[in-house]
Amino acid sequence: MSMSWKQHGDGKTVAPDAIVLPEERLSWPKTIGFGAQHVVAMFGATFLVPLLTGFPPSATLFISGLGTLLFLALTGNRLPSYLGSSFAFLAPIGVATGAGLGGDAPGAEGLARASFGILAIGVLMTLVGIIVHRFGTGWINALMPPVVMGAIVALIGFNLAPVVKSNWNATDNSGWVALITITAVLLITVVFRGLLGRLSIVLGMVVGYIAAVLMGEVDFSGVESAAWIGLPEFHLPGNPFNDVSLWCLLPMFLPVVLVLIAENVGHVKSVGLMINRDLDPVTGRALLADGVSTMLAGFGGGSGTTTYGENIGVMAATRVYSTAAYWVAGIFAMLLGFSPKVGALIFSVPAGVLAGVTIALYGLIALIGVKIWIDHKVDFTKPINQFTAAIALVIGIADFGLVIGSEANPVVFNGIALGTIAAIVVYHVMAWVLRVRGVGEPAPPIAE
């Protein structure tokens, strides 16, 4: 891995028909500026995760920055990316902590239980990365064709919808704060162009936060008492050999692996297209890097990580794909993790602001699944695709539950886990029957 970057042109400008490649950089002052932009771009979504789950913001930011540096190193500085907190972990974390999302802060035991689940997913992602690096992605496509992958991603977003309603109704003024927040997000998105438009989430939260302050919804006592400089609030994961009930959490976390795979593979493809390079050989390394980063999050107390679409947007807008800017961004995020004051300010964001932002964000997670269907031209006139998506979505949205095992150590399958199983089983069973029958095409479509 080379830690030197060739200066692009004069280091000050990028020609209209040119891009700054990963191995290039602009002048260091400009590179630092672009790194700061990436921190701002990831900040709104990344700090929402500790807000919603109760994880320490300082540890989350630190692990996010460290994970980014590890990603760059493990991919040989060939793939620009920022690793922020993944929303796919929200639902299983809420169940594992027993405190829900956006409600009362979970205790140390709840955080330790959730961290074990995150650690387990990190280990599994690391193994997947090693396998993909050795054998390619063909087996992933065979196990999870686009209709299955899209259904799984979509049901995770829809499964989180009740959390929005809970935060919307948290206080008498929460609904008004939420309405102001989401209105600001929408207006900023369409009124401003370039970077400001892409930062609509974080800027909308600022507007909603100001409105919440004026309505007396914000408690500043924690911010006032927090120190400016201090160590991140790390904590260890639960020990499954001392508490066997931790193994029972794994079914709820396992579907997250499928989402992380989809996000990382999509990131590699997107960046490759934007810089006109075949980056597929780096896919295994990208999955491995995200797995290692998520393992660190499980050990240290942060949330699991993933590549960020917000930062792809910044690259597309600026045409700067230099990995040097991401090294700067990772270092900035780590430094922010050493400020308890920043963490306390994040935790002061009230439920109404969260509701206003997540009513869009959770829906956007679901729409990523729909986009997978569209991009891969999934044919929904075929019953095999209809039933795969329909059954999985209803199970996930209704949050079906299944409890197996003893009362002392029950294995709980929530709607996301059951919906994921349903999507895979329904598709492959129907496909197997069609092959046995020797039917080249599925049966006629269901009547509309």
Protein backbone atom coordinates (compact mmCIF):
# COMPACT_ATOMS: atom_id res chain seq x y z
CA MET A 1 0.00 0.00 0.00
CA SER A 2 1.38 3.38 -1.01
CA MET A 3 0.88 6.30 1.38
CA SER A 4 2.07 8.84 -1.17
CA TRP A 5 -0.26 10.66 -3.54
CA LYS A 6 0.63 12.33 -6.82
CA GLN A 7 -0.53 15.93 -6.99
CA HIS A 8 -3.33 16.46 -9.49
CA GLY A 9 -2.46 19.27 -11.89
CA ASP A 10 -1.66 22.47 -10.07
CA GLY A 11 -3.24 21.11 -6.89
CA LYS A 12 -5.83 23.87 -6.86
CA THR A 13 -8.42 23.16 -9.54
CA VAL A 14 -10.11 20.23 -11.26
CA ALA A 15 -10.87 20.66 -14.96
CA PRO A 16 -14.55 20.16 -15.98
CA ASP A 17 -13.70 16.93 -17.83
CA ALA A 18 -11.26 15.58 -15.21
CA ILE A 19 -11.42 13.73 -11.90
CA VAL A 20 -8.98 13.39 -9.02
CA LEU A 21 -8.18 9.67 -8.86
CA PRO A 22 -7.71 7.71 -5.59
CA GLU A 23 -3.91 7.81 -5.93
CA GLU A 24 -3.92 11.58 -6.56
CA ARG A 25 -4.58 14.59 -4.33
CA LEU A 26 -5.00 18.32 -4.49
CA SER A 27 -2.89 20.65 -2.35
CA TRP A 28 -2.89 19.64 1.31
CA PRO A 29 -5.01 22.64 2.44
CA LYS A 30 -7.65 21.69 -0.13
CA THR A 31 -7.34 18.00 0.74
CA ILE A 32 -7.94 18.82 4.40
CA GLY A 33 -10.96 20.86 3.36
CA PHE A 34 -12.38 17.94 1.37
CA GLY A 35 -11.72 15.64 4.34
CA ALA A 36 -13.71 17.98 6.56
CA GLN A 37 -16.56 17.88 4.01
CA HIS A 38 -16.66 14.10 4.28
CA VAL A 39 -16.90 14.33 8.07
CA VAL A 40 -19.83 16.73 7.78
CA ALA A 41 -21.49 14.50 5.17
CA MET A 42 -21.33 11.41 7.37
CA PHE A 43 -22.06 13.18 10.64
CA GLY A 44 -25.82 13.49 10.44
CA ALA A 45 -26.44 9.80 9.79
CA THR A 46 -23.62 8.47 11.98
CA PHE A 47 -24.57 10.30 15.16
CA LEU A 48 -28.21 9.29 14.72
CA VAL A 49 -27.25 5.71 15.59
CA PRO A 50 -25.98 6.44 19.14
CA LEU A 51 -28.93 8.78 19.60
CA LEU A 52 -31.37 6.02 18.75
CA THR A 53 -29.59 3.15 20.47
CA GLY A 54 -28.00 4.74 23.53
CA PHE A 55 -24.46 3.82 22.48
CA PRO A 56 -21.81 6.37 23.54
CA PRO A 57 -21.38 8.93 20.71
CA SER A 58 -17.69 9.38 21.51
CA ALA A 59 -16.95 5.67 21.01
CA THR A 60 -19.11 5.57 17.90
CA LEU A 61 -17.26 8.49 16.29
CA PHE A 62 -13.86 7.12 17.25
CA ILE A 63 -14.59 3.64 15.85
CA SER A 64 -16.07 5.23 12.72
CA GLY A 65 -12.85 7.14 12.06
CA LEU A 66 -10.59 4.22 12.95
CA GLY A 67 -12.68 1.87 10.78
CA THR A 68 -12.27 4.26 7.85
CA LEU A 69 -8.49 4.23 8.19
CA LEU A 70 -8.47 0.42 8.39
CA PHE A 71 -10.69 0.21 5.31
CA LEU A 72 -8.29 2.39 3.33
CA ALA A 73 -5.30 0.35 4.49
CA LEU A 74 -6.87 -3.07 3.83
CA THR A 75 -8.04 -2.07 0.34
CA GLY A 76 -4.56 -0.85 -0.53
CA ASN A 77 -5.62 2.80 -0.81
CA ARG A 78 -7.46 1.88 -4.01
CA LEU A 79 -11.05 2.36 -2.85
CA PRO A 80 -12.17 5.70 -1.31
CA SER A 81 -14.81 5.20 1.35
CA TYR A 82 -15.99 6.40 4.73
CA LEU A 83 -17.26 3.78 7.19
CA GLY A 84 -20.12 5.25 9.21
CA SER A 85 -22.64 3.62 11.54
CA SER A 86 -25.00 1.21 9.81
CA PHE A 87 -28.75 1.64 10.28
CA ALA A 88 -29.20 -2.08 9.59
CA PHE A 89 -28.17 -2.74 13.21
CA LEU A 90 -30.89 -0.56 14.74
CA ALA A 91 -33.67 -3.11 15.12
CA PRO A 92 -31.61 -5.95 16.63
CA ILE A 93 -29.79 -3.51 18.93
CA GLY A 94 -33.16 -2.22 20.17
CA VAL A 95 -34.26 -5.77 21.01
CA ALA A 96 -30.91 -6.75 22.54
CA THR A 97 -30.75 -3.74 24.87
CA GLY A 98 -34.39 -4.07 25.90
CA ALA A 99 -34.70 -0.28 25.79
CA GLY A 100 -36.11 0.08 22.29
CA LEU A 101 -34.93 2.91 20.05
CA GLY A 102 -34.93 6.57 20.94
CA GLY A 103 -36.39 5.88 24.39
CA ASP A 104 -34.72 5.44 27.75
CA ALA A 105 -30.97 4.88 27.62
CA PRO A 106 -30.09 1.20 27.99
CA GLY A 107 -28.00 0.07 30.93
CA ALA A 108 -24.47 -1.33 30.76
CA GLU A 109 -25.76 -4.90 30.53
CA GLY A 110 -28.00 -4.05 27.58
CA LEU A 111 -25.15 -2.32 25.74
CA ALA A 112 -22.86 -5.30 26.38
CA ARG A 113 -25.48 -7.69 24.96
CA ALA A 114 -25.89 -5.60 21.83
CA SER A 115 -22.11 -5.31 21.42
CA PHE A 116 -21.82 -9.09 21.40
CA GLY A 117 -24.25 -9.23 18.49
CA ILE A 118 -22.26 -6.56 16.63
CA LEU A 119 -19.01 -8.44 17.31
CA ALA A 120 -20.50 -11.67 15.96
CA ILE A 121 -21.59 -9.93 12.75
CA GLY A 122 -18.11 -8.45 12.38
CA VAL A 123 -16.58 -11.93 12.62
CA LEU A 124 -19.02 -13.29 10.04
CA MET A 125 -18.43 -10.35 7.68
CA THR A 126 -14.68 -10.91 7.95
CA LEU A 127 -15.13 -14.56 6.95
CA VAL A 128 -17.38 -13.54 4.05
CA GLY A 129 -14.70 -11.10 2.88
CA ILE A 130 -12.05 -13.82 2.94
CA ILE A 131 -14.30 -16.20 0.98
CA VAL A 132 -15.21 -13.54 -1.59
CA HIS A 133 -11.56 -12.59 -2.02
CA ARG A 134 -10.75 -16.24 -2.71
CA PHE A 135 -13.78 -17.40 -4.71
CA GLY A 136 -15.54 -14.25 -5.97
CA THR A 137 -19.15 -13.08 -5.48
CA GLY A 138 -20.92 -15.70 -7.58
CA TRP A 139 -22.10 -17.67 -4.55
CA ILE A 140 -23.66 -14.51 -3.05
CA ASN A 141 -25.63 -13.90 -6.23
CA ALA A 142 -26.78 -17.52 -6.24
CA LEU A 143 -27.94 -17.45 -2.61
CA MET A 144 -29.48 -14.00 -2.77
CA PRO A 145 -30.64 -13.01 -6.25
CA PRO A 146 -31.86 -9.40 -6.58
CA VAL A 147 -35.48 -10.15 -5.62
CA VAL A 148 -34.30 -11.73 -2.35
CA MET A 149 -31.70 -9.09 -1.55
CA GLY A 150 -34.10 -6.24 -2.32
CA ALA A 151 -36.82 -7.74 -0.12
CA ILE A 152 -34.44 -8.15 2.83
CA VAL A 153 -33.14 -4.58 2.63
CA ALA A 154 -36.65 -3.18 2.21
CA LEU A 155 -38.17 -5.05 5.15
CA ILE A 156 -35.44 -3.77 7.49
CA GLY A 157 -36.43 -0.18 6.73
CA PHE A 158 -40.16 -0.83 7.02
CA ASN A 159 -39.70 -2.79 10.26
CA LEU A 160 -38.38 0.39 11.92
CA ALA A 161 -41.50 2.45 11.15
CA PRO A 162 -43.10 2.04 14.63
CA VAL A 163 -40.03 3.71 16.17
CA VAL A 164 -40.84 6.89 14.24
CA LYS A 165 -44.37 6.97 15.62
CA SER A 166 -43.11 6.45 19.17
CA ASN A 167 -40.73 9.41 18.92
CA TRP A 168 -43.35 11.53 17.15
CA ASN A 169 -45.69 11.14 20.12
CA ALA A 170 -43.01 11.32 22.85
CA THR A 171 -44.12 14.75 24.15
CA ASP A 172 -46.86 17.28 23.44
CA ASN A 173 -44.55 19.27 21.17
CA SER A 174 -42.66 16.36 19.57
CA GLY A 175 -45.02 16.17 16.62
CA TRP A 176 -44.58 19.87 15.82
CA VAL A 177 -40.80 19.63 16.13
CA ALA A 178 -40.83 16.57 13.88
CA LEU A 179 -42.97 18.36 11.29
CA ILE A 180 -40.63 21.36 11.26
CA THR A 181 -37.60 19.05 10.95
CA ILE A 182 -38.85 16.98 8.02
CA THR A 183 -40.14 20.11 6.26
CA ALA A 184 -36.69 21.70 6.58
CA VAL A 185 -35.05 18.53 5.22
CA LEU A 186 -37.32 18.48 2.18
CA LEU A 187 -36.95 22.20 1.42
CA ILE A 188 -33.16 22.17 1.77
CA THR A 189 -33.00 19.19 -0.57
CA VAL A 190 -34.83 20.97 -3.38
CA VAL A 191 -33.78 24.59 -2.80
CA PHE A 192 -30.01 24.13 -2.54
CA ARG A 193 -27.64 22.50 -4.98
CA GLY A 194 -24.32 20.74 -4.54
CA LEU A 195 -22.99 20.04 -1.07
CA LEU A 196 -25.68 21.98 0.83
CA GLY A 197 -28.41 19.96 -0.83
CA ARG A 198 -26.62 16.72 0.03
CA LEU A 199 -26.38 17.81 3.67
CA SER A 200 -30.15 18.23 3.98
CA ILE A 201 -30.39 15.69 6.80
CA VAL A 202 -27.89 17.35 9.12
CA LEU A 203 -29.05 20.88 8.22
CA GLY A 204 -32.68 19.89 8.72
CA MET A 205 -31.77 18.55 12.14
CA VAL A 206 -30.16 21.90 12.99
CA VAL A 207 -33.41 23.68 12.05
CA GLY A 208 -35.46 21.20 14.07
CA TYR A 209 -33.09 21.49 17.02
CA ILE A 210 -33.45 25.28 17.05
CA ALA A 211 -37.23 24.89 16.95
CA ALA A 212 -37.04 22.39 19.83
CA VAL A 213 -34.94 24.84 21.88
CA LEU A 214 -37.55 27.58 21.36
CA MET A 215 -40.29 25.17 22.49
CA GLY A 216 -38.36 24.17 25.61
CA GLU A 217 -37.77 20.59 24.41
CA VAL A 218 -33.97 20.52 24.89
CA ASP A 219 -32.19 19.80 28.15
CA PHE A 220 -28.73 21.40 28.18
CA SER A 221 -27.66 20.22 31.64
CA GLY A 222 -25.60 17.33 30.26
CA VAL A 223 -23.86 19.57 27.73
CA GLU A 224 -22.93 22.14 30.37
CA SER A 225 -21.42 19.56 32.70
CA ALA A 226 -19.47 17.62 30.03
CA ALA A 227 -15.74 18.17 29.61
CA TRP A 228 -14.32 19.47 26.36
CA ILE A 229 -11.62 16.78 26.23
CA GLY A 230 -11.77 13.22 27.51
CA LEU A 231 -11.41 9.58 26.52
CA PRO A 232 -14.13 7.90 24.44
CA GLU A 233 -16.61 5.86 26.48
CA PHE A 234 -15.65 2.32 25.56
CA HIS A 235 -17.23 -0.80 27.01
CA LEU A 236 -16.69 -4.53 26.51
CA PRO A 237 -19.16 -6.91 24.86
CA GLY A 238 -20.97 -9.56 26.84
CA ASN A 239 -19.22 -12.89 27.38
CA PRO A 240 -21.28 -15.69 25.77
CA PHE A 241 -19.44 -18.33 27.81
CA ASN A 242 -20.61 -16.72 31.04
CA ASP A 243 -24.06 -15.81 29.72
CA VAL A 244 -25.29 -18.45 27.25
CA SER A 245 -28.40 -16.37 26.55
CA LEU A 246 -26.22 -14.15 24.34
CA TRP A 247 -26.11 -16.89 21.70
CA CYS A 248 -29.88 -16.56 21.46
CA LEU A 249 -29.48 -13.01 20.12
CA LEU A 250 -27.71 -14.10 16.95
CA PRO A 251 -30.81 -14.90 14.84
CA MET A 252 -31.88 -11.26 15.15
CA PHE A 253 -28.48 -9.94 14.04
CA LEU A 254 -27.72 -12.38 11.20
CA PRO A 255 -29.85 -10.63 8.52
CA VAL A 256 -27.68 -7.56 8.95
CA VAL A 257 -24.83 -9.41 7.23
CA LEU A 258 -26.85 -9.56 4.02
CA VAL A 259 -27.45 -5.82 4.08
CA LEU A 260 -23.78 -5.04 4.74
CA ILE A 261 -22.79 -7.26 1.82
CA ALA A 262 -25.22 -5.47 -0.47
CA GLU A 263 -24.03 -2.03 0.65
CA ASN A 264 -20.32 -2.84 0.25
CA VAL A 265 -20.73 -4.55 -3.13
CA GLY A 266 -22.86 -1.61 -4.29
CA HIS A 267 -20.20 0.85 -3.11
CA VAL A 268 -17.44 -0.95 -5.01
CA LYS A 269 -19.55 -1.01 -8.18
CA SER A 270 -20.55 2.66 -7.87
CA VAL A 271 -17.04 3.99 -7.32
CA GLY A 272 -15.71 1.78 -10.13
CA LEU A 273 -18.24 3.24 -12.54
CA MET A 274 -17.50 6.82 -11.47
CA ILE A 275 -13.73 6.53 -11.98
CA ASN A 276 -14.04 4.12 -14.95
CA ARG A 277 -12.12 1.28 -13.31
CA ASP A 278 -12.85 -2.36 -12.61
CA LEU A 279 -12.71 -2.50 -8.83
CA ASP A 280 -14.41 -5.90 -8.51
CA PRO A 281 -11.12 -7.56 -7.43
CA VAL A 282 -11.19 -5.29 -4.34
CA THR A 283 -14.68 -6.46 -3.27
CA GLY A 284 -13.38 -9.16 -0.94
CA ARG A 285 -10.99 -6.74 0.71
CA ALA A 286 -13.81 -4.21 1.17
CA LEU A 287 -16.02 -6.80 2.88
CA LEU A 288 -13.10 -7.94 5.02
CA ALA A 289 -12.31 -4.36 6.04
CA ASP A 290 -15.91 -3.62 7.00
CA GLY A 291 -15.94 -6.87 8.98
CA VAL A 292 -12.80 -5.95 10.90
CA SER A 293 -14.18 -2.47 11.57
CA THR A 294 -17.45 -3.91 12.84
CA MET A 295 -15.51 -6.34 15.07
CA LEU A 296 -13.69 -3.37 16.59
CA ALA A 297 -17.04 -1.67 17.13
CA GLY A 298 -18.28 -4.77 18.96
CA PHE A 299 -15.19 -4.81 21.17
CA GLY A 300 -15.08 -1.08 21.81
CA GLY A 301 -18.67 -0.01 22.21
CA GLY A 302 -19.46 1.62 18.89
CA SER A 303 -22.11 0.55 16.41
CA GLY A 304 -21.42 -1.66 13.40
CA THR A 305 -20.11 0.13 10.32
CA THR A 306 -20.80 0.28 6.60
CA THR A 307 -19.93 2.35 3.53
CA TYR A 308 -21.83 5.61 3.18
CA GLY A 309 -23.88 6.84 0.24
CA GLU A 310 -23.62 10.40 1.55
CA ASN A 311 -19.88 10.35 0.92
CA ILE A 312 -20.32 8.88 -2.55
CA GLY A 313 -22.52 11.90 -3.21
CA VAL A 314 -19.77 14.26 -2.11
CA MET A 315 -17.30 12.52 -4.43
CA ALA A 316 -19.72 12.70 -7.34
CA ALA A 317 -20.36 16.41 -6.71
CA THR A 318 -16.70 17.39 -6.31
CA ARG A 319 -15.12 14.81 -8.69
CA VAL A 320 -12.46 14.27 -6.01
CA TYR A 321 -11.91 10.55 -5.29
CA SER A 322 -8.59 10.98 -3.51
CA THR A 323 -8.12 8.54 -0.62
CA ALA A 324 -5.99 11.22 1.04
CA ALA A 325 -9.19 13.16 1.83
CA TYR A 326 -10.60 10.06 3.54
CA TRP A 327 -7.50 9.64 5.68
CA VAL A 328 -8.08 13.22 6.81
CA ALA A 329 -11.77 12.51 7.47
CA GLY A 330 -10.98 9.41 9.52
CA ILE A 331 -8.49 11.31 11.68
CA PHE A 332 -10.99 14.15 12.20
CA ALA A 333 -13.67 11.71 13.34
CA MET A 334 -11.29 10.03 15.79
CA LEU A 335 -10.39 13.41 17.27
CA LEU A 336 -14.09 14.26 17.71
CA GLY A 337 -14.39 11.05 19.73
CA PHE A 338 -12.14 12.63 22.37
CA SER A 339 -14.66 15.37 23.16
CA PRO A 340 -17.35 14.40 25.71
CA LYS A 341 -18.90 17.81 25.02
CA VAL A 342 -19.65 16.74 21.44
CA GLY A 343 -21.20 13.50 22.70
CA ALA A 344 -23.36 15.33 25.22
CA LEU A 345 -24.55 17.76 22.55
CA ILE A 346 -25.54 14.82 20.36
CA PHE A 347 -27.48 13.22 23.21
CA SER A 348 -29.36 16.48 23.82
CA VAL A 349 -31.23 16.13 20.49
CA PRO A 350 -34.90 15.56 21.46
CA ALA A 351 -37.27 12.84 20.26
CA GLY A 352 -39.16 15.18 17.94
CA VAL A 353 -36.08 15.93 15.86
CA LEU A 354 -35.32 12.21 15.64
CA ALA A 355 -38.87 11.51 14.47
CA GLY A 356 -38.66 14.17 11.78
CA VAL A 357 -35.43 12.78 10.35
CA THR A 358 -36.12 9.07 10.70
CA ILE A 359 -39.53 9.27 9.04
CA ALA A 360 -37.51 9.88 5.89
CA LEU A 361 -34.37 7.87 6.65
CA TYR A 362 -36.13 4.63 7.52
CA GLY A 363 -38.22 4.94 4.40
CA LEU A 364 -35.08 5.56 2.36
CA ILE A 365 -33.55 2.37 3.75
CA ALA A 366 -36.59 0.51 2.46
CA LEU A 367 -36.33 2.22 -0.91
CA ILE A 368 -32.76 0.99 -1.30
CA GLY A 369 -34.31 -2.46 -1.51
CA VAL A 370 -36.75 -1.23 -4.14
CA LYS A 371 -33.85 0.32 -6.04
CA ILE A 372 -32.13 -3.09 -6.09
CA TRP A 373 -35.23 -4.51 -7.80
CA ILE A 374 -35.30 -1.67 -10.33
CA ASP A 375 -31.57 -1.71 -11.09
CA HIS A 376 -31.64 -5.46 -11.72
CA LYS A 377 -34.94 -5.34 -13.63
CA VAL A 378 -36.70 -7.85 -11.36
CA ASP A 379 -39.74 -9.16 -13.23
CA PHE A 380 -42.73 -8.98 -10.89
CA THR A 381 -45.03 -10.62 -13.39
CA LYS A 382 -43.42 -13.89 -12.27
CA PRO A 383 -45.06 -15.51 -9.24
CA ILE A 384 -41.71 -16.64 -7.83
CA ASN A 385 -40.68 -12.98 -7.48
CA GLN A 386 -44.13 -11.85 -6.33
CA PHE A 387 -44.38 -14.36 -3.50
CA THR A 388 -40.75 -13.94 -2.41
CA ALA A 389 -41.12 -10.19 -1.93
CA ALA A 390 -44.73 -10.14 -0.71
CA ILE A 391 -44.35 -12.72 2.06
CA ALA A 392 -41.03 -11.34 3.30
CA LEU A 393 -42.30 -7.74 3.43
CA VAL A 394 -45.49 -8.55 5.33
CA ILE A 395 -43.58 -10.62 7.89
CA GLY A 396 -41.06 -7.81 8.37
CA ILE A 397 -43.54 -4.95 8.49
CA ALA A 398 -45.89 -6.77 10.89
CA ASP A 399 -42.82 -7.79 12.94
CA PHE A 400 -43.83 -11.43 13.31
CA GLY A 401 -42.10 -13.19 16.18
CA LEU A 402 -41.09 -16.77 16.95
CA VAL A 403 -39.67 -17.99 20.25
CA ILE A 404 -37.84 -21.31 20.44
CA GLY A 405 -36.15 -22.95 23.42
CA SER A 406 -36.50 -22.76 27.16
CA GLU A 407 -38.06 -19.89 29.03
CA ALA A 408 -34.72 -19.14 30.67
CA ASN A 409 -32.77 -18.95 27.38
CA PRO A 410 -35.24 -18.39 24.55
CA VAL A 411 -34.08 -18.00 20.95
CA VAL A 412 -36.11 -15.12 19.54
CA PHE A 413 -36.66 -14.61 15.81
CA ASN A 414 -38.06 -11.14 15.16
CA GLY A 415 -39.73 -9.90 11.99
CA ILE A 416 -36.46 -9.08 10.26
CA ALA A 417 -34.98 -12.53 10.91
CA LEU A 418 -38.17 -14.35 9.90
CA GLY A 419 -38.66 -12.16 6.84
CA THR A 420 -35.10 -12.85 5.74
CA ILE A 421 -35.55 -16.60 6.17
CA ALA A 422 -38.86 -16.41 4.32
CA ALA A 423 -37.36 -14.57 1.34
CA ILE A 424 -34.53 -17.08 0.93
CA VAL A 425 -36.65 -20.19 1.53
CA VAL A 426 -39.63 -19.13 -0.59
CA TYR A 427 -37.46 -18.23 -3.56
CA HIS A 428 -35.25 -21.31 -3.52
CA VAL A 429 -38.03 -23.79 -2.81
CA MET A 430 -40.16 -22.42 -5.65
CA ALA A 431 -37.13 -22.35 -7.96
CA TRP A 432 -36.30 -25.98 -7.07
CA VAL A 433 -39.86 -27.13 -7.80
CA LEU A 434 -39.81 -25.34 -11.15
CA ARG A 435 -36.52 -27.02 -12.05
CA VAL A 436 -37.88 -30.45 -11.04
CA ARG A 437 -40.92 -29.89 -13.22
CA GLY A 438 -38.67 -28.85 -16.07
CA VAL A 439 -40.51 -25.58 -16.50
CA GLY A 440 -38.34 -23.09 -18.28
CA GLU A 441 -40.42 -20.12 -17.18
CA PRO A 442 -42.47 -19.70 -14.00
CA ALA A 443 -46.23 -20.19 -14.12
CA PRO A 444 -48.45 -17.39 -15.48
CA PRO A 445 -48.54 -14.25 -13.32
CA ILE A 446 -51.07 -13.81 -10.55
CA ALA A 447 -54.12 -11.91 -11.75
CA GLU A 448 -53.96 -8.22 -10.93
